[in-house]
Amino acid sequence: DIPLMLGTALLLYPVFLLCRMVEATGSARYSLYALASNIFMLIV
């Protein structure tokens, strides 16, 4: 349980970081990417 807790917390950083990088490119697909990231976390 505790390793899972740490793993899920650390997962947030790369997800948010990738969202920021995609958003910084000005891509019109950012909303779609952000939605996919959130769906990925739900699957996890």
PDB file of all heavy atoms in Angstrom:
ATOM      1  N   ASP A   1       0.801  -1.221   0.000  1.00  0.00           N
ATOM      2  CA  ASP A   1       0.000   0.000   0.000  1.00  0.00           C
ATOM      3  C   ASP A   1       0.836   1.274   0.000  1.00  0.00           C
ATOM      4  O   ASP A   1       0.564   2.207  -0.757  1.00  0.00           O
ATOM      5  CB  ASP A   1      -0.953   0.003   1.202  1.00  0.00           C
ATOM      6  CG  ASP A   1      -1.896  -1.196   1.186  1.00  0.00           C
ATOM      7  OD1 ASP A   1      -2.104  -1.764   0.093  1.00  0.00           O
ATOM      8  OD2 ASP A   1      -2.412  -1.582   2.250  1.00  0.00           O
ATOM      9  N   ILE A   2       1.852   1.328   0.869  1.00  0.00           N
ATOM     10  CA  ILE A   2       2.673   2.543   0.942  1.00  0.00           C
ATOM     11  C   ILE A   2       3.472   2.763  -0.338  1.00  0.00           C
ATOM     12  O   ILE A   2       3.527   3.891  -0.844  1.00  0.00           O
ATOM     13  CB  ILE A   2       3.572   2.506   2.191  1.00  0.00           C
ATOM     14  CG1 ILE A   2       2.703   2.599   3.453  1.00  0.00           C
ATOM     15  CG2 ILE A   2       4.597   3.634   2.165  1.00  0.00           C
ATOM     16  CD1 ILE A   2       3.457   2.504   4.762  1.00  0.00           C
ATOM     17  N   PRO A   3       4.116   1.723  -0.927  1.00  0.00           N
ATOM     18  CA  PRO A   3       4.773   1.939  -2.224  1.00  0.00           C
ATOM     19  C   PRO A   3       3.799   2.404  -3.317  1.00  0.00           C
ATOM     20  O   PRO A   3       4.158   3.252  -4.144  1.00  0.00           O
ATOM     21  CB  PRO A   3       5.354   0.554  -2.557  1.00  0.00           C
ATOM     22  CG  PRO A   3       5.589  -0.077  -1.224  1.00  0.00           C
ATOM     23  CD  PRO A   3       4.446   0.376  -0.383  1.00  0.00           C
ATOM     24  N   LEU A   4       2.569   1.859  -3.312  1.00  0.00           N
ATOM     25  CA  LEU A   4       1.569   2.313  -4.283  1.00  0.00           C
ATOM     26  C   LEU A   4       1.234   3.780  -4.059  1.00  0.00           C
ATOM     27  O   LEU A   4       1.085   4.546  -5.026  1.00  0.00           O
ATOM     28  CB  LEU A   4       0.301   1.462  -4.173  1.00  0.00           C
ATOM     29  CG  LEU A   4       0.305   0.106  -4.867  1.00  0.00           C
ATOM     30  CD1 LEU A   4      -0.976  -0.664  -4.535  1.00  0.00           C
ATOM     31  CD2 LEU A   4       0.440   0.268  -6.372  1.00  0.00           C
ATOM     32  N   MET A   5       1.123   4.189  -2.816  1.00  0.00           N
ATOM     33  CA  MET A   5       0.828   5.586  -2.499  1.00  0.00           C
ATOM     34  C   MET A   5       1.933   6.502  -3.025  1.00  0.00           C
ATOM     35  O   MET A   5       1.657   7.540  -3.656  1.00  0.00           O
ATOM     36  CB  MET A   5       0.670   5.752  -0.991  1.00  0.00           C
ATOM     37  CG  MET A   5       0.436   7.187  -0.546  1.00  0.00           C
ATOM     38  SD  MET A   5       0.471   7.377   1.263  1.00  0.00           S
ATOM     39  CE  MET A   5       2.220   7.068   1.608  1.00  0.00           C
ATOM     40  N   LEU A   6       3.182   6.130  -2.783  1.00  0.00           N
ATOM     41  CA  LEU A   6       4.305   6.925  -3.263  1.00  0.00           C
ATOM     42  C   LEU A   6       4.350   6.957  -4.787  1.00  0.00           C
ATOM     43  O   LEU A   6       4.582   8.014  -5.396  1.00  0.00           O
ATOM     44  CB  LEU A   6       5.624   6.357  -2.721  1.00  0.00           C
ATOM     45  CG  LEU A   6       5.955   6.662  -1.258  1.00  0.00           C
ATOM     46  CD1 LEU A   6       7.171   5.849  -0.826  1.00  0.00           C
ATOM     47  CD2 LEU A   6       6.216   8.139  -1.063  1.00  0.00           C
ATOM     48  N   GLY A   7       4.105   5.801  -5.403  1.00  0.00           N
ATOM     49  CA  GLY A   7       4.144   5.713  -6.862  1.00  0.00           C
ATOM     50  C   GLY A   7       3.099   6.592  -7.524  1.00  0.00           C
ATOM     51  O   GLY A   7       3.383   7.286  -8.509  1.00  0.00           O
ATOM     52  N   THR A   8       1.873   6.575  -6.979  1.00  0.00           N
ATOM     53  CA  THR A   8       0.807   7.392  -7.577  1.00  0.00           C
ATOM     54  C   THR A   8       1.097   8.883  -7.408  1.00  0.00           C
ATOM     55  O   THR A   8       0.829   9.685  -8.311  1.00  0.00           O
ATOM     56  CB  THR A   8      -0.562   7.060  -6.948  1.00  0.00           C
ATOM     57  OG1 THR A   8      -0.487   7.212  -5.528  1.00  0.00           O
ATOM     58  CG2 THR A   8      -0.981   5.647  -7.281  1.00  0.00           C
ATOM     59  N   ALA A   9       1.670   9.274  -6.256  1.00  0.00           N
ATOM     60  CA  ALA A   9       2.000  10.684  -6.039  1.00  0.00           C
ATOM     61  C   ALA A   9       3.093  11.143  -7.001  1.00  0.00           C
ATOM     62  O   ALA A   9       3.018  12.241  -7.570  1.00  0.00           O
ATOM     63  CB  ALA A   9       2.441  10.904  -4.592  1.00  0.00           C
ATOM     64  N   LEU A  10       4.104  10.296  -7.195  1.00  0.00           N
ATOM     65  CA  LEU A  10       5.188  10.639  -8.124  1.00  0.00           C
ATOM     66  C   LEU A  10       4.710  10.648  -9.574  1.00  0.00           C
ATOM     67  O   LEU A  10       5.286  11.341 -10.419  1.00  0.00           O
ATOM     68  CB  LEU A  10       6.351   9.657  -7.955  1.00  0.00           C
ATOM     69  CG  LEU A  10       7.108   9.763  -6.620  1.00  0.00           C
ATOM     70  CD1 LEU A  10       8.088   8.605  -6.466  1.00  0.00           C
ATOM     71  CD2 LEU A  10       7.846  11.093  -6.531  1.00  0.00           C
ATOM     72  N   LEU A  11       3.655   9.904  -9.868  1.00  0.00           N
ATOM     73  CA  LEU A  11       3.107   9.859 -11.226  1.00  0.00           C
ATOM     74  C   LEU A  11       2.555  11.215 -11.653  1.00  0.00           C
ATOM     75  O   LEU A  11       2.577  11.561 -12.838  1.00  0.00           O
ATOM     76  CB  LEU A  11       2.005   8.798 -11.301  1.00  0.00           C
ATOM     77  CG  LEU A  11       1.246   8.668 -12.634  1.00  0.00           C
ATOM     78  CD1 LEU A  11       2.187   8.174 -13.724  1.00  0.00           C
ATOM     79  CD2 LEU A  11       0.068   7.706 -12.478  1.00  0.00           C
ATOM     80  N   LEU A  12       2.051  11.987 -10.693  1.00  0.00           N
ATOM     81  CA  LEU A  12       1.454  13.277 -11.025  1.00  0.00           C
ATOM     82  C   LEU A  12       2.450  14.212 -11.722  1.00  0.00           C
ATOM     83  O   LEU A  12       2.077  14.940 -12.643  1.00  0.00           O
ATOM     84  CB  LEU A  12       0.942  13.969  -9.761  1.00  0.00           C
ATOM     85  CG  LEU A  12      -0.427  13.568  -9.224  1.00  0.00           C
ATOM     86  CD1 LEU A  12      -0.782  14.454  -8.040  1.00  0.00           C
ATOM     87  CD2 LEU A  12      -1.493  13.667 -10.302  1.00  0.00           C
ATOM     88  N   TYR A  13       3.700  14.204 -11.262  1.00  0.00           N
ATOM     89  CA  TYR A  13       4.672  15.171 -11.789  1.00  0.00           C
ATOM     90  C   TYR A  13       4.911  15.000 -13.294  1.00  0.00           C
ATOM     91  O   TYR A  13       4.782  15.977 -14.048  1.00  0.00           O
ATOM     92  CB  TYR A  13       5.987  15.079 -11.022  1.00  0.00           C
ATOM     93  CG  TYR A  13       6.944  16.199 -11.372  1.00  0.00           C
ATOM     94  CD1 TYR A  13       6.784  17.455 -10.803  1.00  0.00           C
ATOM     95  CD2 TYR A  13       7.988  16.007 -12.273  1.00  0.00           C
ATOM     96  CE1 TYR A  13       7.647  18.501 -11.115  1.00  0.00           C
ATOM     97  CE2 TYR A  13       8.842  17.040 -12.597  1.00  0.00           C
ATOM     98  CZ  TYR A  13       8.674  18.287 -12.021  1.00  0.00           C
ATOM     99  OH  TYR A  13       9.519  19.318 -12.352  1.00  0.00           O
ATOM    100  N   PRO A  14       5.276  13.807 -13.778  1.00  0.00           N
ATOM    101  CA  PRO A  14       5.481  13.682 -15.234  1.00  0.00           C
ATOM    102  C   PRO A  14       4.215  13.943 -16.032  1.00  0.00           C
ATOM    103  O   PRO A  14       4.285  14.480 -17.147  1.00  0.00           O
ATOM    104  CB  PRO A  14       5.962  12.230 -15.411  1.00  0.00           C
ATOM    105  CG  PRO A  14       5.568  11.520 -14.174  1.00  0.00           C
ATOM    106  CD  PRO A  14       5.604  12.546 -13.088  1.00  0.00           C
ATOM    107  N   VAL A  15       3.047  13.581 -15.481  1.00  0.00           N
ATOM    108  CA  VAL A  15       1.788  13.852 -16.195  1.00  0.00           C
ATOM    109  C   VAL A  15       1.583  15.355 -16.350  1.00  0.00           C
ATOM    110  O   VAL A  15       1.305  15.857 -17.443  1.00  0.00           O
ATOM    111  CB  VAL A  15       0.593  13.213 -15.452  1.00  0.00           C
ATOM    112  CG1 VAL A  15      -0.727  13.728 -16.026  1.00  0.00           C
ATOM    113  CG2 VAL A  15       0.646  11.701 -15.574  1.00  0.00           C
ATOM    114  N   PHE A  16       1.724  16.105 -15.257  1.00  0.00           N
ATOM    115  CA  PHE A  16       1.572  17.565 -15.317  1.00  0.00           C
ATOM    116  C   PHE A  16       2.673  18.205 -16.163  1.00  0.00           C
ATOM    117  O   PHE A  16       2.425  19.169 -16.894  1.00  0.00           O
ATOM    118  CB  PHE A  16       1.594  18.165 -13.906  1.00  0.00           C
ATOM    119  CG  PHE A  16       0.331  17.961 -13.129  1.00  0.00           C
ATOM    120  CD1 PHE A  16       0.362  17.861 -11.746  1.00  0.00           C
ATOM    121  CD2 PHE A  16      -0.897  17.850 -13.767  1.00  0.00           C
ATOM    122  CE1 PHE A  16      -0.800  17.675 -11.020  1.00  0.00           C
ATOM    123  CE2 PHE A  16      -2.067  17.653 -13.049  1.00  0.00           C
ATOM    124  CZ  PHE A  16      -2.021  17.574 -11.672  1.00  0.00           C
ATOM    125  N   LEU A  17       3.895  17.684 -16.061  1.00  0.00           N
ATOM    126  CA  LEU A  17       5.013  18.241 -16.823  1.00  0.00           C
ATOM    127  C   LEU A  17       4.792  18.074 -18.323  1.00  0.00           C
ATOM    128  O   LEU A  17       5.018  19.012 -19.112  1.00  0.00           O
ATOM    129  CB  LEU A  17       6.312  17.555 -16.396  1.00  0.00           C
ATOM    130  CG  LEU A  17       7.612  18.159 -16.940  1.00  0.00           C
ATOM    131  CD1 LEU A  17       7.786  19.583 -16.446  1.00  0.00           C
ATOM    132  CD2 LEU A  17       8.803  17.304 -16.520  1.00  0.00           C
ATOM    133  N   LEU A  18       4.335  16.880 -18.725  1.00  0.00           N
ATOM    134  CA  LEU A  18       4.053  16.646 -20.143  1.00  0.00           C
ATOM    135  C   LEU A  18       2.905  17.534 -20.627  1.00  0.00           C
ATOM    136  O   LEU A  18       2.948  18.066 -21.737  1.00  0.00           O
ATOM    137  CB  LEU A  18       3.718  15.166 -20.370  1.00  0.00           C
ATOM    138  CG  LEU A  18       4.914  14.206 -20.336  1.00  0.00           C
ATOM    139  CD1 LEU A  18       4.433  12.759 -20.392  1.00  0.00           C
ATOM    140  CD2 LEU A  18       5.844  14.475 -21.507  1.00  0.00           C
ATOM    141  N   CYS A  19       1.899  17.715 -19.764  1.00  0.00           N
ATOM    142  CA  CYS A  19       0.794  18.609 -20.124  1.00  0.00           C
ATOM    143  C   CYS A  19       1.307  20.027 -20.362  1.00  0.00           C
ATOM    144  O   CYS A  19       0.911  20.693 -21.319  1.00  0.00           O
ATOM    145  CB  CYS A  19      -0.252  18.619 -19.009  1.00  0.00           C
ATOM    146  SG  CYS A  19      -1.329  17.177 -18.981  1.00  0.00           S
ATOM    147  N   ARG A  20       2.210  20.476 -19.491  1.00  0.00           N
ATOM    148  CA  ARG A  20       2.753  21.826 -19.642  1.00  0.00           C
ATOM    149  C   ARG A  20       3.580  21.964 -20.917  1.00  0.00           C
ATOM    150  O   ARG A  20       3.507  22.981 -21.621  1.00  0.00           O
ATOM    151  CB  ARG A  20       3.617  22.188 -18.425  1.00  0.00           C
ATOM    152  CG  ARG A  20       4.068  23.639 -18.406  1.00  0.00           C
ATOM    153  CD  ARG A  20       4.793  23.974 -17.132  1.00  0.00           C
ATOM    154  NE  ARG A  20       6.084  23.307 -17.034  1.00  0.00           N
ATOM    155  CZ  ARG A  20       6.929  23.457 -16.011  1.00  0.00           C
ATOM    156  NH1 ARG A  20       6.586  24.230 -14.982  1.00  0.00           N
ATOM    157  NH2 ARG A  20       8.072  22.818 -15.989  1.00  0.00           N
ATOM    158  N   MET A  21       4.357  20.917 -21.233  1.00  0.00           N
ATOM    159  CA  MET A  21       5.184  20.956 -22.442  1.00  0.00           C
ATOM    160  C   MET A  21       4.322  20.992 -23.696  1.00  0.00           C
ATOM    161  O   MET A  21       4.595  21.756 -24.630  1.00  0.00           O
ATOM    162  CB  MET A  21       6.117  19.737 -22.462  1.00  0.00           C
ATOM    163  CG  MET A  21       7.207  19.775 -21.395  1.00  0.00           C
ATOM    164  SD  MET A  21       8.148  18.213 -21.277  1.00  0.00           S
ATOM    165  CE  MET A  21       8.832  18.106 -22.925  1.00  0.00           C
ATOM    166  N   VAL A  22       3.270  20.184 -23.733  1.00  0.00           N
ATOM    167  CA  VAL A  22       2.376  20.168 -24.895  1.00  0.00           C
ATOM    168  C   VAL A  22       1.647  21.508 -25.006  1.00  0.00           C
ATOM    169  O   VAL A  22       1.509  22.070 -26.099  1.00  0.00           O
ATOM    170  CB  VAL A  22       1.355  19.014 -24.784  1.00  0.00           C
ATOM    171  CG1 VAL A  22       0.317  19.108 -25.884  1.00  0.00           C
ATOM    172  CG2 VAL A  22       2.065  17.664 -24.847  1.00  0.00           C
ATOM    173  N   GLU A  23       1.227  22.037 -23.865  1.00  0.00           N
ATOM    174  CA  GLU A  23       0.516  23.320 -23.866  1.00  0.00           C
ATOM    175  C   GLU A  23       1.421  24.445 -24.344  1.00  0.00           C
ATOM    176  O   GLU A  23       0.976  25.370 -25.041  1.00  0.00           O
ATOM    177  CB  GLU A  23       0.012  23.610 -22.454  1.00  0.00           C
ATOM    178  CG  GLU A  23      -0.908  24.808 -22.358  1.00  0.00           C
ATOM    179  CD  GLU A  23      -1.381  25.058 -20.938  1.00  0.00           C
ATOM    180  OE1 GLU A  23      -0.922  24.352 -20.015  1.00  0.00           O
ATOM    181  OE2 GLU A  23      -2.203  25.965 -20.766  1.00  0.00           O
ATOM    182  N   ALA A  24       2.722  24.379 -23.993  1.00  0.00           N
ATOM    183  CA  ALA A  24       3.667  25.431 -24.364  1.00  0.00           C
ATOM    184  C   ALA A  24       3.889  25.501 -25.868  1.00  0.00           C
ATOM    185  O   ALA A  24       4.260  26.557 -26.403  1.00  0.00           O
ATOM    186  CB  ALA A  24       4.996  25.211 -23.649  1.00  0.00           C
ATOM    187  N   THR A  25       3.676  24.392 -26.558  1.00  0.00           N
ATOM    188  CA  THR A  25       3.844  24.386 -28.017  1.00  0.00           C
ATOM    189  C   THR A  25       2.714  25.106 -28.725  1.00  0.00           C
ATOM    190  O   THR A  25       2.803  25.361 -29.929  1.00  0.00           O
ATOM    191  CB  THR A  25       3.910  22.936 -28.545  1.00  0.00           C
ATOM    192  OG1 THR A  25       2.654  22.287 -28.307  1.00  0.00           O
ATOM    193  CG2 THR A  25       5.017  22.154 -27.860  1.00  0.00           C
ATOM    194  N   GLY A  26       1.649  25.441 -27.989  1.00  0.00           N
ATOM    195  CA  GLY A  26       0.508  26.115 -28.597  1.00  0.00           C
ATOM    196  C   GLY A  26      -0.352  25.183 -29.429  1.00  0.00           C
ATOM    197  O   GLY A  26      -1.151  25.637 -30.262  1.00  0.00           O
ATOM    198  N   SER A  27      -0.196  23.887 -29.204  1.00  0.00           N
ATOM    199  CA  SER A  27      -0.947  22.916 -29.992  1.00  0.00           C
ATOM    200  C   SER A  27      -2.440  23.006 -29.699  1.00  0.00           C
ATOM    201  O   SER A  27      -2.864  23.130 -28.548  1.00  0.00           O
ATOM    202  CB  SER A  27      -0.448  21.503 -29.681  1.00  0.00           C
ATOM    203  OG  SER A  27      -1.269  20.531 -30.295  1.00  0.00           O
ATOM    204  N   ALA A  28      -3.215  22.952 -30.765  1.00  0.00           N
ATOM    205  CA  ALA A  28      -4.675  22.983 -30.617  1.00  0.00           C
ATOM    206  C   ALA A  28      -5.183  21.679 -30.021  1.00  0.00           C
ATOM    207  O   ALA A  28      -6.347  21.590 -29.621  1.00  0.00           O
ATOM    208  CB  ALA A  28      -5.329  23.231 -31.967  1.00  0.00           C
ATOM    209  N   ARG A  29      -4.316  20.676 -29.961  1.00  0.00           N
ATOM    210  CA  ARG A  29      -4.719  19.373 -29.446  1.00  0.00           C
ATOM    211  C   ARG A  29      -4.475  19.254 -27.938  1.00  0.00           C
ATOM    212  O   ARG A  29      -4.597  18.161 -27.380  1.00  0.00           O
ATOM    213  CB  ARG A  29      -3.953  18.260 -30.159  1.00  0.00           C
ATOM    214  CG  ARG A  29      -4.254  18.181 -31.652  1.00  0.00           C
ATOM    215  CD  ARG A  29      -3.469  17.055 -32.293  1.00  0.00           C
ATOM    216  NE  ARG A  29      -3.761  16.927 -33.721  1.00  0.00           N
ATOM    217  CZ  ARG A  29      -3.185  16.046 -34.528  1.00  0.00           C
ATOM    218  NH1 ARG A  29      -2.275  15.207 -34.029  1.00  0.00           N
ATOM    219  NH2 ARG A  29      -3.499  15.994 -35.803  1.00  0.00           N
ATOM    220  N   TYR A  30      -4.132  20.355 -27.268  1.00  0.00           N
ATOM    221  CA  TYR A  30      -3.816  20.273 -25.845  1.00  0.00           C
ATOM    222  C   TYR A  30      -4.975  19.729 -25.021  1.00  0.00           C
ATOM    223  O   TYR A  30      -4.784  18.875 -24.159  1.00  0.00           O
ATOM    224  CB  TYR A  30      -3.402  21.639 -25.296  1.00  0.00           C
ATOM    225  CG  TYR A  30      -3.276  21.623 -23.793  1.00  0.00           C
ATOM    226  CD1 TYR A  30      -2.237  20.920 -23.180  1.00  0.00           C
ATOM    227  CD2 TYR A  30      -4.217  22.241 -22.981  1.00  0.00           C
ATOM    228  CE1 TYR A  30      -2.132  20.857 -21.799  1.00  0.00           C
ATOM    229  CE2 TYR A  30      -4.117  22.185 -21.599  1.00  0.00           C
ATOM    230  CZ  TYR A  30      -3.076  21.492 -21.019  1.00  0.00           C
ATOM    231  OH  TYR A  30      -2.988  21.424 -19.654  1.00  0.00           O
ATOM    232  N   SER A  31      -6.191  20.223 -25.289  1.00  0.00           N
ATOM    233  CA  SER A  31      -7.353  19.767 -24.518  1.00  0.00           C
ATOM    234  C   SER A  31      -7.542  18.269 -24.657  1.00  0.00           C
ATOM    235  O   SER A  31      -7.860  17.577 -23.688  1.00  0.00           O
ATOM    236  CB  SER A  31      -8.620  20.500 -24.967  1.00  0.00           C
ATOM    237  OG  SER A  31      -8.537  21.864 -24.644  1.00  0.00           O
ATOM    238  N   LEU A  32      -7.318  17.763 -25.886  1.00  0.00           N
ATOM    239  CA  LEU A  32      -7.444  16.325 -26.131  1.00  0.00           C
ATOM    240  C   LEU A  32      -6.359  15.569 -25.372  1.00  0.00           C
ATOM    241  O   LEU A  32      -6.620  14.520 -24.778  1.00  0.00           O
ATOM    242  CB  LEU A  32      -7.346  16.034 -27.624  1.00  0.00           C
ATOM    243  CG  LEU A  32      -7.524  14.571 -28.058  1.00  0.00           C
ATOM    244  CD1 LEU A  32      -8.912  14.068 -27.670  1.00  0.00           C
ATOM    245  CD2 LEU A  32      -7.303  14.433 -29.554  1.00  0.00           C
ATOM    246  N   TYR A  33      -5.141  16.117 -25.361  1.00  0.00           N
ATOM    247  CA  TYR A  33      -4.044  15.475 -24.644  1.00  0.00           C
ATOM    248  C   TYR A  33      -4.303  15.472 -23.145  1.00  0.00           C
ATOM    249  O   TYR A  33      -4.062  14.471 -22.460  1.00  0.00           O
ATOM    250  CB  TYR A  33      -2.729  16.193 -24.945  1.00  0.00           C
ATOM    251  CG  TYR A  33      -1.550  15.598 -24.211  1.00  0.00           C
ATOM    252  CD1 TYR A  33      -0.902  14.462 -24.702  1.00  0.00           C
ATOM    253  CD2 TYR A  33      -1.100  16.143 -23.014  1.00  0.00           C
ATOM    254  CE1 TYR A  33       0.164  13.891 -24.022  1.00  0.00           C
ATOM    255  CE2 TYR A  33      -0.035  15.583 -22.316  1.00  0.00           C
ATOM    256  CZ  TYR A  33       0.592  14.459 -22.840  1.00  0.00           C
ATOM    257  OH  TYR A  33       1.632  13.893 -22.152  1.00  0.00           O
ATOM    258  N   ALA A  34      -4.784  16.605 -22.623  1.00  0.00           N
ATOM    259  CA  ALA A  34      -5.081  16.690 -21.185  1.00  0.00           C
ATOM    260  C   ALA A  34      -6.165  15.693 -20.802  1.00  0.00           C
ATOM    261  O   ALA A  34      -6.091  15.039 -19.764  1.00  0.00           O
ATOM    262  CB  ALA A  34      -5.520  18.116 -20.833  1.00  0.00           C
ATOM    263  N   LEU A  35      -7.179  15.564 -21.660  1.00  0.00           N
ATOM    264  CA  LEU A  35      -8.249  14.601 -21.403  1.00  0.00           C
ATOM    265  C   LEU A  35      -7.697  13.179 -21.389  1.00  0.00           C
ATOM    266  O   LEU A  35      -8.039  12.377 -20.509  1.00  0.00           O
ATOM    267  CB  LEU A  35      -9.342  14.734 -22.474  1.00  0.00           C
ATOM    268  CG  LEU A  35     -10.513  13.757 -22.373  1.00  0.00           C
ATOM    269  CD1 LEU A  35     -11.277  13.968 -21.071  1.00  0.00           C
ATOM    270  CD2 LEU A  35     -11.452  13.920 -23.575  1.00  0.00           C
ATOM    271  N   ALA A  36      -6.806  12.871 -22.360  1.00  0.00           N
ATOM    272  CA  ALA A  36      -6.206  11.538 -22.421  1.00  0.00           C
ATOM    273  C   ALA A  36      -5.375  11.249 -21.172  1.00  0.00           C
ATOM    274  O   ALA A  36      -5.382  10.131 -20.646  1.00  0.00           O
ATOM    275  CB  ALA A  36      -5.340  11.420 -23.671  1.00  0.00           C
ATOM    276  N   SER A  37      -4.674  12.267 -20.656  1.00  0.00           N
ATOM    277  CA  SER A  37      -3.860  12.096 -19.449  1.00  0.00           C
ATOM    278  C   SER A  37      -4.735  11.760 -18.246  1.00  0.00           C
ATOM    279  O   SER A  37      -4.402  10.890 -17.432  1.00  0.00           O
ATOM    280  CB  SER A  37      -3.064  13.377 -19.159  1.00  0.00           C
ATOM    281  OG  SER A  37      -2.190  13.667 -20.217  1.00  0.00           O
ATOM    282  N   ASN A  38      -5.873  12.456 -18.136  1.00  0.00           N
ATOM    283  CA  ASN A  38      -6.783  12.196 -17.018  1.00  0.00           C
ATOM    284  C   ASN A  38      -7.444  10.826 -17.128  1.00  0.00           C
ATOM    285  O   ASN A  38      -7.641  10.144 -16.116  1.00  0.00           O
ATOM    286  CB  ASN A  38      -7.842  13.295 -16.952  1.00  0.00           C
ATOM    287  CG  ASN A  38      -7.279  14.618 -16.470  1.00  0.00           C
ATOM    288  OD1 ASN A  38      -6.701  14.692 -15.394  1.00  0.00           O
ATOM    289  ND2 ASN A  38      -7.425  15.660 -17.261  1.00  0.00           N
ATOM    290  N   ILE A  39      -7.777  10.423 -18.346  1.00  0.00           N
ATOM    291  CA  ILE A  39      -8.338   9.084 -18.549  1.00  0.00           C
ATOM    292  C   ILE A  39      -7.292   8.024 -18.195  1.00  0.00           C
ATOM    293  O   ILE A  39      -7.611   6.992 -17.592  1.00  0.00           O
ATOM    294  CB  ILE A  39      -8.831   8.913 -19.993  1.00  0.00           C
ATOM    295  CG1 ILE A  39     -10.046   9.804 -20.240  1.00  0.00           C
ATOM    296  CG2 ILE A  39      -9.182   7.456 -20.282  1.00  0.00           C
ATOM    297  CD1 ILE A  39     -10.528   9.815 -21.674  1.00  0.00           C
ATOM    298  N   PHE A  40      -6.032   8.285 -18.551  1.00  0.00           N
ATOM    299  CA  PHE A  40      -4.942   7.371 -18.204  1.00  0.00           C
ATOM    300  C   PHE A  40      -4.855   7.189 -16.693  1.00  0.00           C
ATOM    301  O   PHE A  40      -4.705   6.069 -16.192  1.00  0.00           O
ATOM    302  CB  PHE A  40      -3.619   7.904 -18.754  1.00  0.00           C
ATOM    303  CG  PHE A  40      -2.399   7.227 -18.179  1.00  0.00           C
ATOM    304  CD1 PHE A  40      -2.073   5.920 -18.536  1.00  0.00           C
ATOM    305  CD2 PHE A  40      -1.576   7.893 -17.273  1.00  0.00           C
ATOM    306  CE1 PHE A  40      -0.946   5.293 -18.005  1.00  0.00           C
ATOM    307  CE2 PHE A  40      -0.460   7.285 -16.740  1.00  0.00           C
ATOM    308  CZ  PHE A  40      -0.145   5.979 -17.106  1.00  0.00           C
ATOM    309  N   MET A  41      -4.957   8.299 -15.923  1.00  0.00           N
ATOM    310  CA  MET A  41      -4.898   8.195 -14.460  1.00  0.00           C
ATOM    311  C   MET A  41      -6.088   7.420 -13.912  1.00  0.00           C
ATOM    312  O   MET A  41      -5.958   6.671 -12.940  1.00  0.00           O
ATOM    313  CB  MET A  41      -4.822   9.588 -13.838  1.00  0.00           C
ATOM    314  CG  MET A  41      -3.454  10.234 -13.984  1.00  0.00           C
ATOM    315  SD  MET A  41      -3.220  11.688 -12.920  1.00  0.00           S
ATOM    316  CE  MET A  41      -4.284  12.870 -13.743  1.00  0.00           C
ATOM    317  N   LEU A  42      -7.253   7.569 -14.537  1.00  0.00           N
ATOM    318  CA  LEU A  42      -8.422   6.792 -14.114  1.00  0.00           C
ATOM    319  C   LEU A  42      -8.202   5.306 -14.364  1.00  0.00           C
ATOM    320  O   LEU A  42      -8.607   4.470 -13.553  1.00  0.00           O
ATOM    321  CB  LEU A  42      -9.673   7.267 -14.859  1.00  0.00           C
ATOM    322  CG  LEU A  42     -10.453   8.441 -14.248  1.00  0.00           C
ATOM    323  CD1 LEU A  42     -11.689   8.730 -15.098  1.00  0.00           C
ATOM    324  CD2 LEU A  42     -10.864   8.153 -12.811  1.00  0.00           C
ATOM    325  N   ILE A  43      -7.572   4.974 -15.493  1.00  0.00           N
ATOM    326  CA  ILE A  43      -7.287   3.568 -15.803  1.00  0.00           C
ATOM    327  C   ILE A  43      -6.295   2.996 -14.789  1.00  0.00           C
ATOM    328  O   ILE A  43      -6.455   1.864 -14.311  1.00  0.00           O
ATOM    329  CB  ILE A  43      -6.733   3.440 -17.234  1.00  0.00           C
ATOM    330  CG1 ILE A  43      -7.828   3.793 -18.259  1.00  0.00           C
ATOM    331  CG2 ILE A  43      -6.216   2.019 -17.497  1.00  0.00           C
ATOM    332  CD1 ILE A  43      -7.337   3.873 -19.683  1.00  0.00           C
ATOM    333  N   VAL A  44      -5.265   3.773 -14.449  1.00  0.00           N
ATOM    334  CA  VAL A  44      -4.306   3.338 -13.431  1.00  0.00           C
ATOM    335  C   VAL A  44      -5.024   3.128 -12.101  1.00  0.00           C
ATOM    336  O   VAL A  44      -4.786   2.138 -11.396  1.00  0.00           O
ATOM    337  CB  VAL A  44      -3.181   4.374 -13.267  1.00  0.00           C
ATOM    338  CG1 VAL A  44      -2.287   4.016 -12.076  1.00  0.00           C
ATOM    339  CG2 VAL A  44      -2.346   4.452 -14.536  1.00  0.00           C
TER     340      VAL A  44
END
